[in-house]
C-alpha atoms as a PDB file:
ATOM      1  CA  UNK A   1     -53.850  45.530 -29.117  1.00  0.00           C
ATOM      2  CA  UNK A   2     -52.707  48.456 -26.916  1.00  0.00           C
ATOM      3  CA  UNK A   3     -49.236  50.084 -27.310  1.00  0.00           C
ATOM      4  CA  UNK A   4     -47.324  50.231 -24.065  1.00  0.00           C
ATOM      5  CA  UNK A   5     -44.281  52.614 -23.600  1.00  0.00           C
ATOM      6  CA  UNK A   6     -41.929  51.373 -20.856  1.00  0.00           C
ATOM      7  CA  UNK A   7     -39.639  54.219 -19.586  1.00  0.00           C
ATOM      8  CA  UNK A   8     -37.259  52.480 -17.272  1.00  0.00           C
ATOM      9  CA  UNK A   9     -33.420  52.809 -17.183  1.00  0.00           C
ATOM     10  CA  UNK A  10     -32.755  49.535 -15.388  1.00  0.00           C
ATOM     11  CA  UNK A  11     -32.270  47.199 -18.339  1.00  0.00           C
ATOM     12  CA  UNK A  12     -33.139  43.956 -16.460  1.00  0.00           C
ATOM     13  CA  UNK A  13     -36.533  45.507 -15.133  1.00  0.00           C
ATOM     14  CA  UNK A  14     -37.404  46.888 -18.544  1.00  0.00           C
ATOM     15  CA  UNK A  15     -36.699  43.507 -20.256  1.00  0.00           C
ATOM     16  CA  UNK A  16     -38.851  41.562 -17.752  1.00  0.00           C
ATOM     17  CA  UNK A  17     -41.817  44.082 -18.202  1.00  0.00           C
ATOM     18  CA  UNK A  18     -41.254  43.818 -22.027  1.00  0.00           C
ATOM     19  CA  UNK A  19     -41.484  39.976 -21.995  1.00  0.00           C
ATOM     20  CA  UNK A  20     -44.557  39.779 -19.710  1.00  0.00           C
ATOM     21  CA  UNK A  21     -46.478  42.524 -21.498  1.00  0.00           C
ATOM     22  CA  UNK A  22     -45.800  41.006 -24.909  1.00  0.00           C
ATOM     23  CA  UNK A  23     -46.859  37.668 -23.596  1.00  0.00           C
ATOM     24  CA  UNK A  24     -50.385  38.913 -22.937  1.00  0.00           C
ATOM     25  CA  UNK A  25     -50.499  40.550 -26.328  1.00  0.00           C
ATOM     26  CA  UNK A  26     -49.432  44.093 -25.873  1.00  0.00           C
ATOM     27  CA  UNK A  27     -47.057  45.902 -28.270  1.00  0.00           C
ATOM     28  CA  UNK A  28     -44.136  47.315 -26.232  1.00  0.00           C
ATOM     29  CA  UNK A  29     -41.706  50.199 -26.785  1.00  0.00           C
ATOM     30  CA  UNK A  30     -38.797  50.525 -24.499  1.00  0.00           C
ATOM     31  CA  UNK A  31     -37.066  53.807 -23.479  1.00  0.00           C
ATOM     32  CA  UNK A  32     -34.080  53.858 -21.171  1.00  0.00           C
ATOM     33  CA  UNK A  33     -33.455  57.611 -20.698  1.00  0.00           C
ATOM     34  CA  UNK A  34     -35.423  60.478 -19.238  1.00  0.00           C
ATOM     35  CA  UNK A  35     -33.964  62.793 -21.985  1.00  0.00           C
ATOM     36  CA  UNK A  36     -35.475  60.755 -24.791  1.00  0.00           C
ATOM     37  CA  UNK A  37     -38.816  59.949 -23.118  1.00  0.00           C
ATOM     38  CA  UNK A  38     -40.862  62.759 -24.464  1.00  0.00           C
ATOM     39  CA  UNK A  39     -39.657  62.262 -28.055  1.00  0.00           C
ATOM     40  CA  UNK A  40     -40.416  58.565 -27.758  1.00  0.00           C
ATOM     41  CA  UNK A  41     -43.820  59.268 -26.406  1.00  0.00           C
ATOM     42  CA  UNK A  42     -44.610  61.567 -29.371  1.00  0.00           C
ATOM     43  CA  UNK A  43     -43.252  59.114 -31.848  1.00  0.00           C
ATOM     44  CA  UNK A  44     -45.172  56.054 -30.546  1.00  0.00           C
ATOM     45  CA  UNK A  45     -48.362  57.699 -29.364  1.00  0.00           C
ATOM     46  CA  UNK A  46     -48.894  54.866 -26.800  1.00  0.00           C
ATOM     47  CA  UNK A  47     -52.118  53.828 -25.014  1.00  0.00           C
ATOM     48  CA  UNK A  48     -50.415  53.608 -21.679  1.00  0.00           C
ATOM     49  CA  UNK A  49     -46.956  54.600 -20.141  1.00  0.00           C
ATOM     50  CA  UNK A  50     -45.132  52.728 -17.404  1.00  0.00           C
ATOM     51  CA  UNK A  51     -42.880  55.484 -16.100  1.00  0.00           C
ATOM     52  CA  UNK A  52     -39.939  55.152 -13.667  1.00  0.00           C
ATOM     53  CA  UNK A  53     -39.183  58.195 -11.484  1.00  0.00           C
ATOM     54  CA  UNK A  54     -35.457  57.941 -10.956  1.00  0.00           C
ATOM     55  CA  UNK A  55     -34.125  58.318 -14.548  1.00  0.00           C
ATOM     56  CA  UNK A  56     -30.947  59.776 -15.971  1.00  0.00           C
ATOM     57  CA  UNK A  57     -31.046  63.224 -17.578  1.00  0.00           C
ATOM     58  CA  UNK A  58     -34.649  63.918 -16.585  1.00  0.00           C
ATOM     59  CA  UNK A  59     -36.762  62.423 -13.789  1.00  0.00           C
ATOM     60  CA  UNK A  60     -40.180  60.913 -13.982  1.00  0.00           C
ATOM     61  CA  UNK A  61     -41.949  63.856 -12.312  1.00  0.00           C
ATOM     62  CA  UNK A  62     -40.785  66.199 -15.143  1.00  0.00           C
ATOM     63  CA  UNK A  63     -41.712  63.758 -17.857  1.00  0.00           C
ATOM     64  CA  UNK A  64     -45.189  63.265 -16.245  1.00  0.00           C
ATOM     65  CA  UNK A  65     -45.677  67.082 -16.180  1.00  0.00           C
ATOM     66  CA  UNK A  66     -44.659  67.474 -19.766  1.00  0.00           C
ATOM     67  CA  UNK A  67     -46.924  64.785 -21.053  1.00  0.00           C
ATOM     68  CA  UNK A  68     -49.881  66.018 -18.982  1.00  0.00           C
ATOM     69  CA  UNK A  69     -49.575  69.448 -20.742  1.00  0.00           C
ATOM     70  CA  UNK A  70     -50.887  68.046 -23.952  1.00  0.00           C
ATOM     71  CA  UNK A  71     -52.113  64.411 -23.287  1.00  0.00           C
ATOM     72  CA  UNK A  72     -54.378  62.443 -21.073  1.00  0.00           C
ATOM     73  CA  UNK A  73     -52.689  59.118 -21.880  1.00  0.00           C
ATOM     74  CA  UNK A  74     -52.837  56.743 -18.845  1.00  0.00           C
ATOM     75  CA  UNK A  75     -49.556  56.806 -16.857  1.00  0.00           C
ATOM     76  CA  UNK A  76     -48.475  54.271 -14.188  1.00  0.00           C
ATOM     77  CA  UNK A  77     -45.474  55.366 -12.069  1.00  0.00           C
ATOM     78  CA  UNK A  78     -42.878  52.791 -11.227  1.00  0.00           C
ATOM     79  CA  UNK A  79     -40.486  53.630  -8.402  1.00  0.00           C
ATOM     80  CA  UNK A  80     -38.567  52.360  -5.370  1.00  0.00           C
ATOM     81  CA  UNK A  81     -39.985  55.385  -3.418  1.00  0.00           C
ATOM     82  CA  UNK A  82     -42.893  53.602  -1.807  1.00  0.00           C
ATOM     83  CA  UNK A  83     -43.770  56.032   0.911  1.00  0.00           C
ATOM     84  CA  UNK A  84     -47.416  57.353   0.938  1.00  0.00           C
ATOM     85  CA  UNK A  85     -46.345  61.058   0.355  1.00  0.00           C
ATOM     86  CA  UNK A  86     -44.673  59.913  -2.924  1.00  0.00           C
ATOM     87  CA  UNK A  87     -47.860  58.140  -3.989  1.00  0.00           C
ATOM     88  CA  UNK A  88     -49.946  61.173  -3.273  1.00  0.00           C
ATOM     89  CA  UNK A  89     -47.533  63.430  -5.091  1.00  0.00           C
ATOM     90  CA  UNK A  90     -47.879  61.133  -8.141  1.00  0.00           C
ATOM     91  CA  UNK A  91     -51.707  61.255  -8.068  1.00  0.00           C
ATOM     92  CA  UNK A  92     -51.658  64.955  -7.503  1.00  0.00           C
ATOM     93  CA  UNK A  93     -49.568  65.491 -10.605  1.00  0.00           C
ATOM     94  CA  UNK A  94     -51.875  63.295 -12.731  1.00  0.00           C
ATOM     95  CA  UNK A  95     -50.589  59.751 -12.492  1.00  0.00           C
ATOM     96  CA  UNK A  96     -53.262  57.141 -12.874  1.00  0.00           C
ATOM     97  CA  UNK A  97     -51.628  54.477 -10.695  1.00  0.00           C
ATOM     98  CA  UNK A  98     -48.474  53.962  -8.769  1.00  0.00           C
ATOM     99  CA  UNK A  99     -46.560  50.715  -8.289  1.00  0.00           C
ATOM    100  CA  UNK A 100     -43.598  50.551  -5.824  1.00  0.00           C
ATOM    101  CA  UNK A 101     -40.468  48.434  -6.549  1.00  0.00           C
ATOM    102  CA  UNK A 102     -39.896  45.583  -5.866  1.00  0.00           C
ATOM    103  CA  UNK A 103     -43.076  44.465  -7.625  1.00  0.00           C
ATOM    104  CA  UNK A 104     -44.585  41.224  -8.875  1.00  0.00           C
ATOM    105  CA  UNK A 105     -44.665  41.453 -12.697  1.00  0.00           C
ATOM    106  CA  UNK A 106     -48.037  39.709 -12.880  1.00  0.00           C
ATOM    107  CA  UNK A 107     -49.491  42.529 -10.677  1.00  0.00           C
ATOM    108  CA  UNK A 108     -48.066  45.188 -13.030  1.00  0.00           C
ATOM    109  CA  UNK A 109     -49.765  43.439 -15.907  1.00  0.00           C
ATOM    110  CA  UNK A 110     -53.097  43.303 -14.002  1.00  0.00           C
ATOM    111  CA  UNK A 111     -52.817  47.121 -13.130  1.00  0.00           C
ATOM    112  CA  UNK A 112     -52.122  47.860 -16.776  1.00  0.00           C
ATOM    113  CA  UNK A 113     -55.220  45.882 -17.778  1.00  0.00           C
ATOM    114  CA  UNK A 114     -57.337  47.753 -15.111  1.00  0.00           C
ATOM    115  CA  UNK A 115     -56.053  51.205 -16.091  1.00  0.00           C
ATOM    116  CA  UNK A 116     -56.686  50.545 -19.798  1.00  0.00           C
ATOM    117  CA  UNK A 117     -60.216  49.388 -18.960  1.00  0.00           C
ATOM    118  CA  UNK A 118     -60.862  52.602 -17.048  1.00  0.00           C
ATOM    119  CA  UNK A 119     -59.479  54.609 -20.028  1.00  0.00           C
ATOM    120  CA  UNK A 120     -61.740  52.839 -22.444  1.00  0.00           C
ATOM    121  CA  UNK A 121     -64.640  53.717 -20.210  1.00  0.00           C
ATOM    122  CA  UNK A 122     -68.126  52.346 -19.951  1.00  0.00           C
ATOM    123  CA  UNK A 123     -69.976  51.187 -23.059  1.00  0.00           C
ATOM    124  CA  UNK A 124     -73.095  53.086 -21.852  1.00  0.00           C
ATOM    125  CA  UNK A 125     -74.610  54.990 -24.765  1.00  0.00           C
ATOM    126  CA  UNK A 126     -76.668  57.408 -22.825  1.00  0.00           C
ATOM    127  CA  UNK A 127     -77.597  60.741 -24.451  1.00  0.00           C
ATOM    128  CA  UNK A 128     -75.613  63.956 -24.336  1.00  0.00           C
ATOM    129  CA  UNK A 129     -75.919  65.846 -21.112  1.00  0.00           C
ATOM    130  CA  UNK A 130     -75.808  69.598 -20.767  1.00  0.00           C
ATOM    131  CA  UNK A 131     -75.695  71.773 -17.591  1.00  0.00           C
ATOM    132  CA  UNK A 132     -75.495  75.357 -18.885  1.00  0.00           C
ATOM    133  CA  UNK A 133     -72.172  75.825 -20.574  1.00  0.00           C
ATOM    134  CA  UNK A 134     -70.986  72.337 -19.604  1.00  0.00           C
ATOM    135  CA  UNK A 135     -71.617  69.507 -22.068  1.00  0.00           C
ATOM    136  CA  UNK A 136     -70.899  65.863 -21.249  1.00  0.00           C
ATOM    137  CA  UNK A 137     -70.685  63.392 -24.176  1.00  0.00           C
ATOM    138  CA  UNK A 138     -71.036  60.231 -22.149  1.00  0.00           C
ATOM    139  CA  UNK A 139     -70.789  57.909 -25.191  1.00  0.00           C
ATOM    140  CA  UNK A 140     -67.534  59.548 -26.428  1.00  0.00           C
ATOM    141  CA  UNK A 141     -66.187  60.175 -22.919  1.00  0.00           C
ATOM    142  CA  UNK A 142     -65.580  63.768 -23.553  1.00  0.00           C
ATOM    143  CA  UNK A 143     -66.338  66.914 -21.561  1.00  0.00           C
ATOM    144  CA  UNK A 144     -66.687  70.434 -23.009  1.00  0.00           C
ATOM    145  CA  UNK A 145     -66.971  73.773 -21.216  1.00  0.00           C
ATOM    146  CA  UNK A 146     -68.091  76.730 -23.192  1.00  0.00           C
ATOM    147  CA  UNK A 147     -67.516  74.725 -26.383  1.00  0.00           C
ATOM    148  CA  UNK A 148     -63.832  73.955 -25.427  1.00  0.00           C
ATOM    149  CA  UNK A 149     -62.839  70.447 -24.575  1.00  0.00           C
ATOM    150  CA  UNK A 150     -61.576  69.953 -21.056  1.00  0.00           C
ATOM    151  CA  UNK A 151     -58.445  67.596 -21.026  1.00  0.00           C
ATOM    152  CA  UNK A 152     -58.705  65.206 -18.102  1.00  0.00           C
ATOM    153  CA  UNK A 153     -56.658  62.130 -17.177  1.00  0.00           C
ATOM    154  CA  UNK A 154     -58.503  58.862 -17.592  1.00  0.00           C
ATOM    155  CA  UNK A 155     -58.776  58.458 -13.758  1.00  0.00           C
ATOM    156  CA  UNK A 156     -60.145  61.948 -13.338  1.00  0.00           C
ATOM    157  CA  UNK A 157     -62.566  61.532 -16.229  1.00  0.00           C
ATOM    158  CA  UNK A 158     -63.903  58.274 -14.780  1.00  0.00           C
ATOM    159  CA  UNK A 159     -64.515  60.081 -11.446  1.00  0.00           C
ATOM    160  CA  UNK A 160     -66.294  62.949 -13.185  1.00  0.00           C
ATOM    161  CA  UNK A 161     -68.346  60.712 -15.538  1.00  0.00           C
ATOM    162  CA  UNK A 162     -69.469  58.548 -12.536  1.00  0.00           C
ATOM    163  CA  UNK A 163     -70.683  61.691 -10.615  1.00  0.00           C
ATOM    164  CA  UNK A 164     -72.239  62.972 -13.811  1.00  0.00           C
ATOM    165  CA  UNK A 165     -74.182  59.755 -14.196  1.00  0.00           C
ATOM    166  CA  UNK A 166     -75.534  60.291 -10.663  1.00  0.00           C
ATOM    167  CA  UNK A 167     -76.093  63.988 -10.427  1.00  0.00           C
ATOM    168  CA  UNK A 168     -77.144  65.488  -7.100  1.00  0.00           C
ATOM    169  CA  UNK A 169     -76.209  62.253  -5.386  1.00  0.00           C
ATOM    170  CA  UNK A 170     -73.623  62.128  -2.591  1.00  0.00           C
ATOM    171  CA  UNK A 171     -70.858  59.536  -2.556  1.00  0.00           C
ATOM    172  CA  UNK A 172     -68.256  58.798   0.164  1.00  0.00           C
ATOM    173  CA  UNK A 173     -64.621  58.317  -0.715  1.00  0.00           C
ATOM    174  CA  UNK A 174     -64.873  54.672  -0.206  1.00  0.00           C
ATOM    175  CA  UNK A 175     -67.858  54.456  -2.585  1.00  0.00           C
ATOM    176  CA  UNK A 176     -65.940  56.357  -5.275  1.00  0.00           C
ATOM    177  CA  UNK A 177     -62.933  54.111  -4.785  1.00  0.00           C
ATOM    178  CA  UNK A 178     -65.087  51.025  -5.229  1.00  0.00           C
ATOM    179  CA  UNK A 179     -66.712  52.370  -8.263  1.00  0.00           C
ATOM    180  CA  UNK A 180     -63.897  54.082  -9.936  1.00  0.00           C
ATOM    181  CA  UNK A 181     -60.435  52.695  -8.645  1.00  0.00           C
ATOM    182  CA  UNK A 182     -61.778  49.249  -8.200  1.00  0.00           C
ATOM    183  CA  UNK A 183     -60.977  46.313  -5.878  1.00  0.00           C
ATOM    184  CA  UNK A 184     -57.248  46.221  -6.870  1.00  0.00           C
ATOM    185  CA  UNK A 185     -56.629  49.706  -5.406  1.00  0.00           C
ATOM    186  CA  UNK A 186     -54.683  49.592  -2.207  1.00  0.00           C
ATOM    187  CA  UNK A 187     -53.569  53.198  -1.659  1.00  0.00           C
ATOM    188  CA  UNK A 188     -54.908  56.086   0.382  1.00  0.00           C
ATOM    189  CA  UNK A 189     -58.460  57.445   0.030  1.00  0.00           C
ATOM    190  CA  UNK A 190     -56.845  60.854  -0.402  1.00  0.00           C
ATOM    191  CA  UNK A 191     -56.474  60.090  -3.999  1.00  0.00           C
ATOM    192  CA  UNK A 192     -60.175  60.894  -4.212  1.00  0.00           C
ATOM    193  CA  UNK A 193     -59.594  64.336  -2.724  1.00  0.00           C
ATOM    194  CA  UNK A 194     -56.778  64.976  -5.144  1.00  0.00           C
ATOM    195  CA  UNK A 195     -58.854  63.879  -8.154  1.00  0.00           C
ATOM    196  CA  UNK A 196     -61.713  66.276  -6.951  1.00  0.00           C
ATOM    197  CA  UNK A 197     -59.145  69.047  -6.503  1.00  0.00           C
ATOM    198  CA  UNK A 198     -57.970  68.675 -10.088  1.00  0.00           C
ATOM    199  CA  UNK A 199     -61.533  68.401 -11.427  1.00  0.00           C
ATOM    200  CA  UNK A 200     -62.450  71.657  -9.645  1.00  0.00           C
ATOM    201  CA  UNK A 201     -59.397  73.313 -11.183  1.00  0.00           C
ATOM    202  CA  UNK A 202     -60.408  72.099 -14.693  1.00  0.00           C
ATOM    203  CA  UNK A 203     -64.013  73.361 -14.096  1.00  0.00           C
ATOM    204  CA  UNK A 204     -62.906  76.632 -12.503  1.00  0.00           C
ATOM    205  CA  UNK A 205     -64.697  78.680 -15.250  1.00  0.00           C
ATOM    206  CA  UNK A 206     -68.036  76.824 -14.900  1.00  0.00           C
ATOM    207  CA  UNK A 207     -70.620  79.045 -13.540  1.00  0.00           C
ATOM    208  CA  UNK A 208     -71.653  77.921  -9.989  1.00  0.00           C
ATOM    209  CA  UNK A 209     -75.236  78.737 -10.835  1.00  0.00           C
ATOM    210  CA  UNK A 210     -75.206  75.883 -13.346  1.00  0.00           C
ATOM    211  CA  UNK A 211     -73.420  73.351 -11.241  1.00  0.00           C
ATOM    212  CA  UNK A 212     -70.356  72.502  -9.183  1.00  0.00           C
ATOM    213  CA  UNK A 213     -68.676  69.655  -7.314  1.00  0.00           C
ATOM    214  CA  UNK A 214     -69.785  69.979  -3.765  1.00  0.00           C
ATOM    215  CA  UNK A 215     -68.225  68.641  -0.583  1.00  0.00           C
ATOM    216  CA  UNK A 216     -70.736  67.697   1.957  1.00  0.00           C
ATOM    217  CA  UNK A 217     -68.783  67.584   5.160  1.00  0.00           C
ATOM    218  CA  UNK A 218     -68.797  64.196   6.835  1.00  0.00           C
ATOM    219  CA  UNK A 219     -70.705  62.678   3.876  1.00  0.00           C
ATOM    220  CA  UNK A 220     -68.711  62.923   0.676  1.00  0.00           C
ATOM    221  CA  UNK A 221     -68.884  64.519  -2.833  1.00  0.00           C
ATOM    222  CA  UNK A 222     -71.625  65.226  -5.383  1.00  0.00           C
ATOM    223  CA  UNK A 223     -72.041  66.879  -8.719  1.00  0.00           C
ATOM    224  CA  UNK A 224     -74.771  69.408  -7.847  1.00  0.00           C
ATOM    225  CA  UNK A 225     -76.448  70.686 -10.973  1.00  0.00           C
ATOM    226  CA  UNK A 226     -79.498  72.496 -11.918  1.00  0.00           C
ATOM    227  CA  UNK A 227     -82.299  70.150 -13.088  1.00  0.00           C
ATOM    228  CA  UNK A 228     -82.740  70.032 -16.807  1.00  0.00           C
END
């Protein structure tokens, strides 16, 4: 069963999450300080992190950035800062989901399950795809550019693999949300734009003659590639 790291300084909230997550079968490690968070992450190698923003010693934004420098582990942000701009900031920095306090614990558990499902990816065993220097291993859920693996968050990887499964087809934001984020998502569709922005940055060295993520104004996004 998946290992969950809960980084939350409010003991009562951490304990409630601990009890509910263990009840459905997850292994849980608790961390109560931002200063200890990165060491605890490296020590436990979790499958998912529930990360509070307002932490002592080091806030959640810093921890998120530090983890994203070397890991694509799914991260769900927990915070009392529920305004849309904070949600977008979280997605822009690589968070996979965002839950504002106060929350219903059953919803948190449902979000954890949903994010872990996305991280596991599809069981489709389609063959390796190559577009010039870009190589997509759909079965292993890995992407390589020039032989070097591109590190993507589970959410961004899901967006890219979906587009790669439908090359040269255009999808609106709403369609991408339905296929990638799922029915439980209730945030802004700008999360799609932010994911595409991060993907383009990750693929900035990909030769445009081989392919690119295009924006079709008024229509949506597509992975435009040369036919094999």
